[in-house]
Amino acid sequence: MAKFVTIGYGDQDGYDRTDAAVRDRAHAHDARLRAAGAVLGIAGTPVQVTNHDGAGTTVERGPFMSSSLPVAGFEIIEAETIEEAVRLVAQTPCAVARGVVEVWPLREPA
């Protein structure tokens, strides 16, 4: 089974404008994903770490990805194919509450 990292983008305004019943179904869907072994998390404040040429570590605070919506959370899921992974995240809160979810195949390092 392949692993996928998903990144959910969304904001409070879009969440609030989504019908409560739709949101409730999305949260129930997330609960089923967790019960099946998915790792879910709500995004905190990120830092960017560099250590160019091993000369010293630098840490900068703040988001560095560019998006019209803030990062809302992450999941690590297992699915047979990327199409199955898409089906699994299509009912999550970010997907249904006017946000977007990216699905990234996670490969083992060589």
Protein backbone atom coordinates (compact mmCIF):
# COMPACT_ATOMS: atom_id res chain seq x y z
CA MET A 1 0.00 0.00 0.00
CA ALA A 2 1.39 3.41 -0.95
CA LYS A 3 1.52 6.37 1.41
CA PHE A 4 0.40 9.89 0.56
CA VAL A 5 0.88 13.21 2.33
CA THR A 6 -2.09 15.51 1.98
CA ILE A 7 -2.05 19.23 2.66
CA GLY A 8 -5.36 20.93 3.32
CA TYR A 9 -5.78 24.64 2.67
CA GLY A 10 -8.76 26.58 3.96
CA ASP A 11 -9.84 29.51 6.04
CA GLN A 12 -12.40 30.13 8.73
CA ASP A 13 -14.62 32.19 6.43
CA GLY A 14 -15.01 29.37 3.91
CA TYR A 15 -15.58 26.89 6.74
CA ASP A 16 -18.26 29.10 8.30
CA ARG A 17 -20.04 29.57 4.93
CA THR A 18 -20.34 25.80 4.46
CA ASP A 19 -23.58 24.19 5.62
CA ALA A 20 -23.15 22.71 9.12
CA ALA A 21 -24.48 19.32 7.98
CA VAL A 22 -21.80 19.17 5.25
CA ARG A 23 -19.11 20.08 7.78
CA ASP A 24 -20.39 17.44 10.21
CA ARG A 25 -20.22 14.75 7.49
CA ALA A 26 -16.68 15.88 6.64
CA HIS A 27 -15.57 15.64 10.28
CA ALA A 28 -17.17 12.19 10.54
CA HIS A 29 -15.25 11.20 7.40
CA ASP A 30 -11.99 12.39 9.05
CA ALA A 31 -12.84 10.30 12.12
CA ARG A 32 -13.23 7.22 9.88
CA LEU A 33 -9.87 7.97 8.22
CA ARG A 34 -8.22 8.20 11.68
CA ALA A 35 -9.85 4.95 12.74
CA ALA A 36 -8.42 3.32 9.60
CA GLY A 37 -4.90 4.47 10.51
CA ALA A 38 -4.50 7.86 8.83
CA VAL A 39 -2.41 10.40 10.74
CA LEU A 40 -4.19 13.78 10.83
CA GLY A 41 -2.98 17.08 12.21
CA ILE A 42 -3.98 20.71 12.32
CA ALA A 43 -1.29 23.04 11.01
CA GLY A 44 0.66 25.11 13.51
CA THR A 45 3.10 27.93 12.78
CA PRO A 46 5.90 26.59 10.57
CA VAL A 47 9.61 27.29 10.57
CA GLN A 48 12.05 26.97 7.70
CA VAL A 49 15.37 25.26 8.50
CA THR A 50 18.56 25.64 6.46
CA ASN A 51 22.08 24.39 7.03
CA HIS A 52 23.85 25.26 3.78
CA ASP A 53 27.03 23.27 3.34
CA GLY A 54 26.76 22.15 6.96
CA ALA A 55 28.01 25.58 8.05
CA GLY A 56 25.32 26.29 10.63
CA THR A 57 21.62 26.00 11.17
CA THR A 58 19.33 28.94 10.45
CA VAL A 59 15.67 28.92 11.46
CA GLU A 60 13.13 31.42 10.13
CA ARG A 61 9.53 31.62 11.32
CA GLY A 62 6.49 31.95 9.13
CA PRO A 63 4.80 30.24 6.21
CA PHE A 64 6.87 30.04 3.05
CA MET A 65 4.51 28.33 0.63
CA SER A 66 2.42 30.60 -1.56
CA SER A 67 -1.34 30.10 -1.61
CA SER A 68 -4.43 32.25 -1.52
CA LEU A 69 -5.58 30.15 1.46
CA PRO A 70 -3.60 29.30 4.61
CA VAL A 71 -2.45 25.76 5.29
CA ALA A 72 -5.05 24.24 7.61
CA GLY A 73 -3.77 20.72 8.22
CA PHE A 74 -2.06 17.57 7.08
CA GLU A 75 -2.80 13.87 6.73
CA ILE A 76 -0.69 10.85 6.00
CA ILE A 77 -2.89 8.21 4.41
CA GLU A 78 -2.44 4.86 2.72
CA ALA A 79 -4.10 3.99 -0.58
CA GLU A 80 -3.46 1.61 -3.47
CA THR A 81 -3.32 4.44 -6.05
CA ILE A 82 -3.34 8.21 -6.19
CA GLU A 83 -6.90 7.99 -7.53
CA GLU A 84 -7.95 6.15 -4.37
CA ALA A 85 -6.13 8.74 -2.24
CA VAL A 86 -8.08 11.48 -4.05
CA ARG A 87 -11.36 9.68 -3.29
CA LEU A 88 -10.37 9.41 0.38
CA VAL A 89 -9.66 13.14 0.80
CA ALA A 90 -12.48 14.43 -1.39
CA GLN A 91 -14.86 14.37 1.59
CA THR A 92 -12.56 15.97 4.19
CA PRO A 93 -13.34 19.37 5.74
CA CYS A 94 -10.89 21.36 3.59
CA ALA A 95 -12.20 19.77 0.40
CA VAL A 96 -15.87 20.43 1.17
CA ALA A 97 -15.58 23.76 3.03
CA ARG A 98 -14.40 25.91 0.10
CA GLY A 99 -10.73 24.96 0.53
CA VAL A 100 -8.43 22.65 -1.39
CA VAL A 101 -6.41 19.51 -0.62
CA GLU A 102 -3.13 18.60 -2.30
CA VAL A 103 -2.20 14.91 -2.50
CA TRP A 104 1.52 14.12 -2.65
CA PRO A 105 2.80 10.56 -3.22
CA LEU A 106 5.31 9.72 -0.49
CA ARG A 107 8.22 7.61 -1.72
CA GLU A 108 10.80 5.83 0.37
CA PRO A 109 14.28 7.37 0.04
CA ALA A 110 16.75 5.39 -2.01
